């Protein structure tokens, strides 16, 4: 059976896929399969991106990177569900992250 692309899945199908990937990742982690765990977590992040609206992510804005405390990412542009930009305090190289890995910075003081 041909696997559906994430972009073709309904919201429900995406949620099912994410749950399945998290379960497989948990098992891989328990078995010490670090590479398999990382691949499954990245696939889950990709699937989650299709549940978000890319228009909520603005070029020029800075976002926190989910699961990497103290790491920040500045977006240059978006291509589908990928945000292209660079990590602040990183090596300055451009990279693409699934938008589900980006978290809006908390507003401080109102």
Protein backbone atom coordinates (compact mmCIF):
# COMPACT_ATOMS: atom_id res chain seq x y z
CA UNK A 1 0.00 0.00 0.00
CA UNK A 2 1.29 3.43 -0.96
CA UNK A 3 1.89 5.66 2.07
CA UNK A 4 0.01 8.98 1.89
CA UNK A 5 2.11 12.11 1.99
CA UNK A 6 1.64 14.27 5.09
CA UNK A 7 0.37 17.08 2.87
CA UNK A 8 -2.46 14.80 1.67
CA UNK A 9 -3.57 13.65 5.14
CA UNK A 10 -6.55 14.95 7.07
CA UNK A 11 -6.04 16.47 10.53
CA UNK A 12 -7.25 13.20 12.09
CA UNK A 13 -4.86 11.10 9.98
CA UNK A 14 -1.98 13.39 10.92
CA UNK A 15 -2.80 13.06 14.64
CA UNK A 16 -2.92 9.25 14.28
CA UNK A 17 0.42 9.27 12.44
CA UNK A 18 2.03 11.50 15.10
CA UNK A 19 0.80 9.20 17.90
CA UNK A 20 2.14 6.16 16.02
CA UNK A 21 5.52 7.82 15.46
CA UNK A 22 5.80 8.86 19.13
CA UNK A 23 5.03 5.28 20.21
CA UNK A 24 7.68 3.86 17.83
CA UNK A 25 10.15 6.50 19.04
CA UNK A 26 9.48 5.59 22.67
CA UNK A 27 10.17 1.92 21.92
CA UNK A 28 13.34 2.79 19.97
CA UNK A 29 14.55 4.91 22.89
CA UNK A 30 13.87 2.07 25.36
CA UNK A 31 15.89 -0.29 23.16
CA UNK A 32 18.77 2.20 22.98
CA UNK A 33 18.32 2.79 19.25
CA UNK A 34 19.39 6.43 19.32
CA UNK A 35 19.49 7.00 15.55
CA UNK A 36 16.08 5.37 15.02
CA UNK A 37 14.67 7.51 17.86
CA UNK A 38 16.01 10.71 16.25
CA UNK A 39 14.57 9.81 12.83
CA UNK A 40 11.12 9.03 14.28
CA UNK A 41 11.08 12.24 16.34
CA UNK A 42 11.98 14.25 13.23
CA UNK A 43 9.18 12.54 11.25
CA UNK A 44 6.72 13.40 14.04
CA UNK A 45 7.89 17.05 13.93
CA UNK A 46 7.30 17.06 10.16
CA UNK A 47 3.79 15.63 10.55
CA UNK A 48 2.98 18.19 13.29
CA UNK A 49 4.02 21.00 10.93
CA UNK A 50 1.12 20.13 8.63
CA UNK A 51 -1.29 20.85 11.52
CA UNK A 52 0.03 24.43 11.75
CA UNK A 53 -0.53 27.47 9.55
CA UNK A 54 2.75 28.65 7.95
CA UNK A 55 1.26 32.17 7.82
CA UNK A 56 1.60 32.29 11.64
CA UNK A 57 5.40 32.31 11.20
CA UNK A 58 6.86 35.61 10.03
CA UNK A 59 10.17 36.19 8.20
CA UNK A 60 12.41 38.42 10.30
CA UNK A 61 10.97 37.13 13.57
CA UNK A 62 12.97 35.14 16.09
CA UNK A 63 11.62 31.90 17.58
CA UNK A 64 12.76 29.55 20.29
CA UNK A 65 13.71 26.07 19.06
CA UNK A 66 11.47 23.42 20.67
CA UNK A 67 13.45 20.91 22.71
CA UNK A 68 16.62 23.02 22.65
CA UNK A 69 16.45 25.46 25.60
CA UNK A 70 18.27 28.72 24.98
CA UNK A 71 18.47 28.13 21.21
CA UNK A 72 16.86 30.70 18.94
CA UNK A 73 16.15 30.77 15.21
CA UNK A 74 15.65 33.77 12.93
CA UNK A 75 13.46 33.14 9.87
CA UNK A 76 14.47 34.48 6.45
CA UNK A 77 11.61 32.92 4.52
CA UNK A 78 9.17 30.01 4.50
CA UNK A 79 8.88 27.25 1.94
CA UNK A 80 5.83 25.11 2.65
CA UNK A 81 6.09 23.93 6.27
CA UNK A 82 9.81 24.69 6.47
CA UNK A 83 11.24 27.87 7.93
CA UNK A 84 14.59 28.81 6.41
CA UNK A 85 16.97 30.89 8.47
CA UNK A 86 19.79 30.52 10.96
CA UNK A 87 20.37 29.80 14.63
CA UNK A 88 21.39 32.76 16.75
CA UNK A 89 24.66 31.88 18.51
CA UNK A 90 25.07 29.15 15.90
CA UNK A 91 27.60 28.79 13.10
CA UNK A 92 25.69 31.27 10.91
CA UNK A 93 24.83 28.61 8.32
CA UNK A 94 21.38 28.65 6.77
CA UNK A 95 19.16 25.71 7.61
CA UNK A 96 15.53 24.68 7.34
CA UNK A 97 13.47 23.59 10.33
CA UNK A 98 9.92 22.23 10.32
CA UNK A 99 7.69 25.01 11.70
CA UNK A 100 6.49 22.70 14.49
CA UNK A 101 9.98 23.00 16.02
CA UNK A 102 9.62 26.77 16.40
CA UNK A 103 7.97 28.34 19.42
CA UNK A 104 6.96 31.98 19.59
CA UNK A 105 8.95 33.94 22.16
CA UNK A 106 6.97 34.75 25.29
CA UNK A 107 5.93 38.37 25.48
CA UNK A 108 7.52 39.95 28.55
CA UNK A 109 5.99 42.85 30.40
CA UNK A 110 2.73 44.35 29.20
